[in-house]
Each structure stands twice: as structure tokens, then as C-alpha cells.
C-alpha atoms as a PDB file:
ATOM      1  CA  MET A   1     119.392 107.098  79.221  1.00  0.00           C
ATOM      2  CA  ALA A   2     119.047 104.810  82.232  1.00  0.00           C
ATOM      3  CA  ALA A   3     115.553 103.783  83.278  1.00  0.00           C
ATOM      4  CA  LYS A   4     114.259 105.440  86.409  1.00  0.00           C
ATOM      5  CA  LYS A   5     114.398 103.168  89.423  1.00  0.00           C
ATOM      6  CA  PRO A   6     111.006 102.585  91.077  1.00  0.00           C
ATOM      7  CA  ARG A   7     110.623 104.033  94.563  1.00  0.00           C
ATOM      8  CA  LEU A   8     109.583 101.393  97.082  1.00  0.00           C
ATOM      9  CA  ILE A   9     108.685 101.363 100.740  1.00  0.00           C
ATOM     10  CA  ILE A  10     108.782  98.232 102.835  1.00  0.00           C
ATOM     11  CA  PHE A  11     106.822  97.113 105.864  1.00  0.00           C
ATOM     12  CA  GLY A  12     108.164  94.505 108.254  1.00  0.00           C
ATOM     13  CA  ASP A  13     108.717  93.968 111.961  1.00  0.00           C
ATOM     14  CA  PRO A  14     112.475  94.373 112.594  1.00  0.00           C
ATOM     15  CA  ASN A  15     112.102  92.402 115.832  1.00  0.00           C
ATOM     16  CA  ARG A  16     110.947  89.243 114.050  1.00  0.00           C
ATOM     17  CA  ARG A  17     113.893  87.179 112.876  1.00  0.00           C
ATOM     18  CA  HIS A  18     112.308  85.715 109.737  1.00  0.00           C
ATOM     19  CA  ALA A  19     110.967  89.095 108.639  1.00  0.00           C
ATOM     20  CA  THR A  20     114.358  90.736 109.221  1.00  0.00           C
ATOM     21  CA  GLU A  21     116.146  88.041 107.228  1.00  0.00           C
ATOM     22  CA  ALA A  22     113.680  88.389 104.339  1.00  0.00           C
ATOM     23  CA  MET A  23     113.965  92.191 104.313  1.00  0.00           C
ATOM     24  CA  GLU A  24     117.756  92.088 104.332  1.00  0.00           C
ATOM     25  CA  ARG A  25     117.731  89.581 101.475  1.00  0.00           C
ATOM     26  CA  PHE A  26     115.330  91.763  99.469  1.00  0.00           C
ATOM     27  CA  GLU A  27     117.396  94.901 100.080  1.00  0.00           C
ATOM     28  CA  ARG A  28     120.472  93.143  98.694  1.00  0.00           C
ATOM     29  CA  PHE A  29     118.463  91.943  95.700  1.00  0.00           C
ATOM     30  CA  ALA A  30     116.904  95.362  95.049  1.00  0.00           C
ATOM     31  CA  ALA A  31     120.207  97.247  95.129  1.00  0.00           C
ATOM     32  CA  GLY A  32     120.584  98.753  91.655  1.00  0.00           C
ATOM     33  CA  ARG A  33     117.023  97.773  90.681  1.00  0.00           C
ATOM     34  CA  ALA A  34     114.941 100.031  92.934  1.00  0.00           C
ATOM     35  CA  GLN A  35     115.138 102.783  95.505  1.00  0.00           C
ATOM     36  CA  ILE A  36     113.942 101.690  98.947  1.00  0.00           C
ATOM     37  CA  ALA A  37     112.850 104.823 100.779  1.00  0.00           C
ATOM     38  CA  ALA A  38     112.062 103.491 104.260  1.00  0.00           C
ATOM     39  CA  ASN A  39     110.617 100.761 106.453  1.00  0.00           C
ATOM     40  CA  CYS A  40     107.172 102.112 107.305  1.00  0.00           C
ATOM     41  CA  PHE A  41     106.295  99.527 109.944  1.00  0.00           C
ATOM     42  CA  ARG A  42     103.553 100.624 112.378  1.00  0.00           C
ATOM     43  CA  GLY A  43     102.991 104.180 111.255  1.00  0.00           C
ATOM     44  CA  SER A  44     106.613 105.296 111.123  1.00  0.00           C
ATOM     45  CA  CYS A  45     106.204 107.044 107.739  1.00  0.00           C
ATOM     46  CA  THR A  46     104.355 110.225 106.858  1.00  0.00           C
ATOM     47  CA  PRO A  47     101.389 110.211 104.442  1.00  0.00           C
ATOM     48  CA  GLU A  48     103.501 112.274 102.030  1.00  0.00           C
ATOM     49  CA  LEU A  49     106.206 109.592 101.914  1.00  0.00           C
ATOM     50  CA  LEU A  50     103.614 106.863 101.399  1.00  0.00           C
ATOM     51  CA  ARG A  51     102.094 108.694  98.421  1.00  0.00           C
ATOM     52  CA  GLN A  52     105.505 108.981  96.744  1.00  0.00           C
ATOM     53  CA  ALA A  53     105.966 105.200  96.559  1.00  0.00           C
ATOM     54  CA  ALA A  54     105.265 103.146  93.458  1.00  0.00           C
ATOM     55  CA  PHE A  55     104.840  99.959  95.500  1.00  0.00           C
ATOM     56  CA  ALA A  56     104.822  98.781  99.100  1.00  0.00           C
ATOM     57  CA  VAL A  57     106.492  95.438  99.847  1.00  0.00           C
ATOM     58  CA  VAL A  58     105.157  93.870 103.051  1.00  0.00           C
ATOM     59  CA  PHE A  59     107.122  91.137 104.824  1.00  0.00           C
ATOM     60  CA  GLY A  60     105.086  89.101 107.288  1.00  0.00           C
ATOM     61  CA  GLY A  61     101.820  87.234 107.604  1.00  0.00           C
ATOM     62  CA  ASP A  62      98.264  88.376 107.082  1.00  0.00           C
ATOM     63  CA  GLY A  63      98.384  90.673 110.127  1.00  0.00           C
ATOM     64  CA  ALA A  64     101.280  92.663 108.691  1.00  0.00           C
ATOM     65  CA  ILE A  65      99.541  92.991 105.318  1.00  0.00           C
ATOM     66  CA  LEU A  66      96.272  94.122 106.901  1.00  0.00           C
ATOM     67  CA  GLY A  67      98.074  96.716 109.005  1.00  0.00           C
ATOM     68  CA  ALA A  68     100.013  98.062 106.027  1.00  0.00           C
ATOM     69  CA  ALA A  69      96.877  98.199 103.886  1.00  0.00           C
ATOM     70  CA  ARG A  70      95.148 100.382 106.472  1.00  0.00           C
ATOM     71  CA  GLU A  71      98.021 102.869 106.354  1.00  0.00           C
ATOM     72  CA  LEU A  72      98.188 102.798 102.555  1.00  0.00           C
ATOM     73  CA  SER A  73      94.454 103.010 101.862  1.00  0.00           C
ATOM     74  CA  GLU A  74      94.460 106.781 101.368  1.00  0.00           C
ATOM     75  CA  ALA A  75      97.666 106.744  99.296  1.00  0.00           C
ATOM     76  CA  SER A  76      96.419 104.198  96.694  1.00  0.00           C
ATOM     77  CA  VAL A  77      99.763 102.356  96.709  1.00  0.00           C
ATOM     78  CA  PRO A  78      99.751  98.719  95.459  1.00  0.00           C
ATOM     79  CA  VAL A  79     100.794  96.185  98.107  1.00  0.00           C
ATOM     80  CA  ILE A  80     103.127  93.265  97.366  1.00  0.00           C
ATOM     81  CA  GLY A  81     102.728  90.664 100.110  1.00  0.00           C
ATOM     82  CA  VAL A  82     105.737  88.457 100.912  1.00  0.00           C
ATOM     83  CA  ASN A  83     104.826  85.654 103.288  1.00  0.00           C
ATOM     84  CA  VAL A  84     107.240  85.080 106.161  1.00  0.00           C
ATOM     85  CA  GLY A  85     104.478  84.299 108.664  1.00  0.00           C
ATOM     86  CA  LYS A  86     102.400  81.202 109.364  1.00  0.00           C
ATOM     87  CA  LEU A  87      99.165  81.614 107.392  1.00  0.00           C
ATOM     88  CA  GLY A  88      99.825  84.042 104.579  1.00  0.00           C
ATOM     89  CA  PHE A  89      96.442  83.773 102.836  1.00  0.00           C
ATOM     90  CA  LEU A  90      96.839  87.350 101.582  1.00  0.00           C
ATOM     91  CA  ALA A  91     100.519  87.123 100.655  1.00  0.00           C
ATOM     92  CA  GLU A  92     101.039  86.355  96.976  1.00  0.00           C
ATOM     93  CA  PHE A  93     104.777  85.649  97.065  1.00  0.00           C
ATOM     94  CA  SER A  94     107.510  83.858  98.957  1.00  0.00           C
ATOM     95  CA  PRO A  95     110.875  85.673  99.260  1.00  0.00           C
ATOM     96  CA  GLU A  96     112.147  83.665  96.278  1.00  0.00           C
ATOM     97  CA  GLU A  97     109.053  84.280  94.153  1.00  0.00           C
ATOM     98  CA  VAL A  98     109.049  88.056  94.613  1.00  0.00           C
ATOM     99  CA  GLU A  99     112.608  88.192  93.257  1.00  0.00           C
ATOM    100  CA  ALA A 100     111.692  86.068  90.233  1.00  0.00           C
ATOM    101  CA  ALA A 101     108.650  88.246  89.450  1.00  0.00           C
ATOM    102  CA  PHE A 102     110.201  91.613  90.347  1.00  0.00           C
ATOM    103  CA  ASP A 103     110.930  92.806  86.802  1.00  0.00           C
ATOM    104  CA  ASP A 104     107.384  91.963  85.674  1.00  0.00           C
ATOM    105  CA  ILE A 105     105.917  93.714  88.712  1.00  0.00           C
ATOM    106  CA  VAL A 106     107.749  97.022  88.236  1.00  0.00           C
ATOM    107  CA  ALA A 107     107.102  96.912  84.474  1.00  0.00           C
ATOM    108  CA  GLY A 108     103.356  96.651  85.072  1.00  0.00           C
ATOM    109  CA  ARG A 109     103.059  93.188  83.576  1.00  0.00           C
ATOM    110  CA  CYS A 110     101.420  91.783  86.716  1.00  0.00           C
ATOM    111  CA  GLY A 111      97.783  92.520  87.403  1.00  0.00           C
ATOM    112  CA  VAL A 112      96.681  94.481  90.463  1.00  0.00           C
ATOM    113  CA  GLU A 113      93.786  92.881  92.338  1.00  0.00           C
ATOM    114  CA  LYS A 114      91.522  95.460  93.955  1.00  0.00           C
ATOM    115  CA  ARG A 115      89.863  94.663  97.286  1.00  0.00           C
ATOM    116  CA  MET A 116      87.109  96.650  98.940  1.00  0.00           C
ATOM    117  CA  MET A 117      87.577  98.144 102.396  1.00  0.00           C
ATOM    118  CA  LEU A 118      85.280  99.360 105.140  1.00  0.00           C
ATOM    119  CA  ARG A 119      85.256 102.685 106.923  1.00  0.00           C
ATOM    120  CA  CYS A 120      83.929 102.688 110.461  1.00  0.00           C
ATOM    121  CA  ARG A 121      82.720 105.862 112.162  1.00  0.00           C
ATOM    122  CA  VAL A 122      81.437 106.165 115.724  1.00  0.00           C
ATOM    123  CA  MET A 123      79.136 109.127 116.238  1.00  0.00           C
ATOM    124  CA  ARG A 124      78.312 110.517 119.680  1.00  0.00           C
ATOM    125  CA  GLN A 125      76.196 113.585 120.428  1.00  0.00           C
ATOM    126  CA  GLY A 126      76.268 114.630 116.794  1.00  0.00           C
ATOM    127  CA  GLY A 127      80.050 114.426 116.459  1.00  0.00           C
ATOM    128  CA  GLU A 128      82.551 111.813 115.299  1.00  0.00           C
ATOM    129  CA  SER A 129      84.437 110.268 118.214  1.00  0.00           C
ATOM    130  CA  PHE A 130      86.273 107.516 116.294  1.00  0.00           C
ATOM    131  CA  SER A 131      87.109 106.621 112.693  1.00  0.00           C
ATOM    132  CA  CYS A 132      89.120 103.815 111.083  1.00  0.00           C
ATOM    133  CA  THR A 133      89.437 101.726 107.931  1.00  0.00           C
ATOM    134  CA  ALA A 134      89.409  97.926 107.752  1.00  0.00           C
ATOM    135  CA  VAL A 135      90.402  95.386 105.115  1.00  0.00           C
ATOM    136  CA  ASN A 136      88.842  92.395 106.891  1.00  0.00           C
ATOM    137  CA  ASP A 137      86.013  93.402 109.194  1.00  0.00           C
ATOM    138  CA  VAL A 138      84.546  95.660 111.823  1.00  0.00           C
ATOM    139  CA  VAL A 139      83.359  93.964 115.019  1.00  0.00           C
ATOM    140  CA  ILE A 140      80.815  95.539 117.349  1.00  0.00           C
ATOM    141  CA  ALA A 141      80.816  94.050 120.840  1.00  0.00           C
ATOM    142  CA  ALA A 142      79.895  95.149 124.346  1.00  0.00           C
ATOM    143  CA  GLY A 143      83.384  94.800 125.793  1.00  0.00           C
ATOM    144  CA  GLU A 144      84.334  94.199 129.383  1.00  0.00           C
ATOM    145  CA  PRO A 145      82.738  93.855 131.885  1.00  0.00           C
ATOM    146  CA  PHE A 146      79.586  93.231 129.805  1.00  0.00           C
ATOM    147  CA  ARG A 147      78.643  89.872 128.318  1.00  0.00           C
ATOM    148  CA  MET A 148      75.718  90.742 126.065  1.00  0.00           C
ATOM    149  CA  ILE A 149      74.802  93.559 123.693  1.00  0.00           C
ATOM    150  CA  GLU A 150      71.536  94.466 121.983  1.00  0.00           C
ATOM    151  CA  LEU A 151      71.888  95.940 118.510  1.00  0.00           C
ATOM    152  CA  LYS A 152      69.446  97.437 116.032  1.00  0.00           C
ATOM    153  CA  MET A 153      70.571  97.659 112.406  1.00  0.00           C
ATOM    154  CA  ALA A 154      69.337  99.542 109.370  1.00  0.00           C
ATOM    155  CA  VAL A 155      70.424  99.613 105.719  1.00  0.00           C
ATOM    156  CA  GLY A 156      69.458 102.538 103.500  1.00  0.00           C
ATOM    157  CA  GLY A 157      67.276 103.936 106.262  1.00  0.00           C
ATOM    158  CA  GLN A 158      65.265 100.713 106.454  1.00  0.00           C
ATOM    159  CA  ALA A 159      65.292  98.552 109.579  1.00  0.00           C
ATOM    160  CA  LEU A 160      67.206  95.349 108.862  1.00  0.00           C
ATOM    161  CA  ALA A 161      67.244  93.256 112.006  1.00  0.00           C
ATOM    162  CA  GLY A 162      67.827  93.293 115.708  1.00  0.00           C
ATOM    163  CA  CYS A 163      70.402  91.165 117.460  1.00  0.00           C
ATOM    164  CA  THR A 164      70.926  90.269 121.094  1.00  0.00           C
ATOM    165  CA  GLY A 165      74.117  88.351 121.756  1.00  0.00           C
ATOM    166  CA  ASP A 166      77.881  88.767 121.954  1.00  0.00           C
ATOM    167  CA  GLY A 167      77.994  91.201 119.035  1.00  0.00           C
ATOM    168  CA  VAL A 168      78.054  91.395 115.259  1.00  0.00           C
ATOM    169  CA  ILE A 169      80.709  91.179 112.523  1.00  0.00           C
ATOM    170  CA  VAL A 170      80.533  93.414 109.451  1.00  0.00           C
ATOM    171  CA  SER A 171      82.908  91.817 106.960  1.00  0.00           C
ATOM    172  CA  THR A 172      84.330  92.454 103.506  1.00  0.00           C
ATOM    173  CA  PRO A 173      84.730  89.570 101.029  1.00  0.00           C
ATOM    174  CA  THR A 174      88.438  89.496 101.971  1.00  0.00           C
ATOM    175  CA  GLY A 175      87.527  89.094 105.625  1.00  0.00           C
ATOM    176  CA  SER A 176      84.822  86.507 104.972  1.00  0.00           C
ATOM    177  CA  THR A 177      87.369  83.711 105.542  1.00  0.00           C
ATOM    178  CA  ALA A 178      88.443  85.139 108.912  1.00  0.00           C
ATOM    179  CA  HIS A 179      86.301  85.948 111.986  1.00  0.00           C
ATOM    180  CA  ASN A 180      83.130  85.814 109.863  1.00  0.00           C
ATOM    181  CA  LEU A 181      83.782  82.207 108.845  1.00  0.00           C
ATOM    182  CA  SER A 182      84.505  81.166 112.439  1.00  0.00           C
ATOM    183  CA  ALA A 183      81.153  82.669 113.478  1.00  0.00           C
ATOM    184  CA  GLY A 184      79.279  80.667 110.824  1.00  0.00           C
ATOM    185  CA  GLY A 185      79.156  83.265 108.041  1.00  0.00           C
ATOM    186  CA  PRO A 186      79.512  82.512 104.300  1.00  0.00           C
ATOM    187  CA  ILE A 187      82.677  82.695 102.208  1.00  0.00           C
ATOM    188  CA  LEU A 188      82.557  85.333  99.452  1.00  0.00           C
ATOM    189  CA  SER A 189      84.724  85.670  96.377  1.00  0.00           C
ATOM    190  CA  GLY A 190      87.324  88.390  96.953  1.00  0.00           C
ATOM    191  CA  ASP A 191      86.264  90.392  93.886  1.00  0.00           C
ATOM    192  CA  LEU A 192      82.640  90.865  94.954  1.00  0.00           C
ATOM    193  CA  ALA A 193      81.271  94.243  96.031  1.00  0.00           C
ATOM    194  CA  ALA A 194      79.343  92.917  99.014  1.00  0.00           C
ATOM    195  CA  ILE A 195      79.243  93.029 102.805  1.00  0.00           C
ATOM    196  CA  VAL A 196      78.452  90.181 105.207  1.00  0.00           C
ATOM    197  CA  ILE A 197      76.669  90.901 108.491  1.00  0.00           C
ATOM    198  CA  THR A 198      77.142  87.985 110.870  1.00  0.00           C
ATOM    199  CA  PRO A 199      75.880  87.756 114.469  1.00  0.00           C
ATOM    200  CA  ILE A 200      78.206  86.450 117.181  1.00  0.00           C
ATOM    201  CA  CYS A 201      76.464  83.859 119.364  1.00  0.00           C
ATOM    202  CA  PRO A 202      72.977  85.375 118.918  1.00  0.00           C
ATOM    203  CA  HIS A 203      70.292  84.591 121.490  1.00  0.00           C
ATOM    204  CA  SER A 204      67.805  83.970 118.695  1.00  0.00           C
ATOM    205  CA  LEU A 205      67.740  81.544 115.777  1.00  0.00           C
ATOM    206  CA  SER A 206      65.884  84.077 113.618  1.00  0.00           C
ATOM    207  CA  PHE A 207      68.919  86.259 112.820  1.00  0.00           C
ATOM    208  CA  ARG A 208      71.226  84.461 110.410  1.00  0.00           C
ATOM    209  CA  PRO A 209      74.176  85.893 108.425  1.00  0.00           C
ATOM    210  CA  ILE A 210      73.077  88.418 105.775  1.00  0.00           C
ATOM    211  CA  VAL A 211      74.856  89.502 102.567  1.00  0.00           C
ATOM    212  CA  ILE A 212      74.104  92.997 101.289  1.00  0.00           C
ATOM    213  CA  SER A 213      75.420  95.083  98.410  1.00  0.00           C
ATOM    214  CA  ALA A 214      78.462  97.225  99.134  1.00  0.00           C
ATOM    215  CA  ASN A 215      76.615 100.067  97.397  1.00  0.00           C
ATOM    216  CA  SER A 216      73.875 100.089 100.043  1.00  0.00           C
ATOM    217  CA  PRO A 217      73.724 103.555 101.658  1.00  0.00           C
END
């Protein structure tokens, strides 16, 4: 009896030449080894289709992986990052490496690294006006035409700090090497359950970056 082929979905911008070339190469490689259901780039797949996939293969840089992870967060689908961008800090494989490791991946012989995510909710007049998930960070800023924002923060019902400046970054360990690092925040190991709160150009030297437990209410 033939082994069941794993069902995969791919993410990749068809308008980017390098991503298109890598996807076409992978599709030729995967023929006979897996079933590729769809390219789910930028929300083109239903939640039901996402939940049916064994793996998601993302072709691009860190931006493509972060976008795919947001869509897949509710489906609990492992992400295989294939770097065809410039930075690729989050991408584990090159197009050649993902082919070499493919049999081990689908057989479960490769470990899955779990990363924490953030959920942001904006409440107005007792109701939720906005909600999203983030792999890297959530940034609170005044926006145009304003230049400064005053924020008051609390953790577990206890006042934490106040900040007057350009805003604040709430970052996961994964995102600690991104906007948080540029703003002077610390680098955290990706497997920690912690959150970094980093001010952006604060008008006071008393508020420095703070690391809190991810389990803080």
C-alpha cells in the first residue's frame, strides 16, 4: 500500500521573479512526493483549507514568513521557511536545502521550533474595534499628523510606567532582533516566554526597555 502523500500549501509572491523560480522548482521536485493544494499568498485561502495542510512552505524573506505565520496562527500548521529574499533570519532553508531535507521533514524527523505570538486588541467604548496577531511586535504610535504620544502602561492591573515620546514597541523574543533592537532594546533567545517593552525616542531617561513574563495578565 502506497504511503499517503502529505498535503502542502505554499506561500510566495508570484510577482517576484526569485520567489516564482523557487516555487516552480519546488513544485517540480514535489511532484509524486506531496500534494500541493494551493498558493495561499496574502489571504487567498480559506481557514478550512489552511487547517487541512500538514505543512506550509513559504518562499520569500522574513516579511513573507511573518505574513504567512499570521494567517496560519489559528490553524497550527508548521511553517517551512525557504529564503529567496535578502535577510532571511527566520528562513531555515535555501531552495536546495529544503529538497535535501524534505523526506526527513515529512517523516517527522526534524524538530518543530515553537515561537510565541502576540494578540493585539483595541477597545473603544466597551467594544473591540480592532484585533490582530503578530509574530514580531506590536507598535503603538500617535500617527500622522501627530509627533508625540503619552502612554500609561499597566501589567496585571499594576501601573508599570508612563512614556512620552514617539511611541512604544511591545515585542516577542522573535521580534527582539527587529524594530526593538533598532530602538535600543535587548536581544532575547527565541525560545523564551517573555515580552520586551521598549520606548521609541522617549522624552525621559527614566523609562528604559523592560522585559516581563509572557504569562503576565
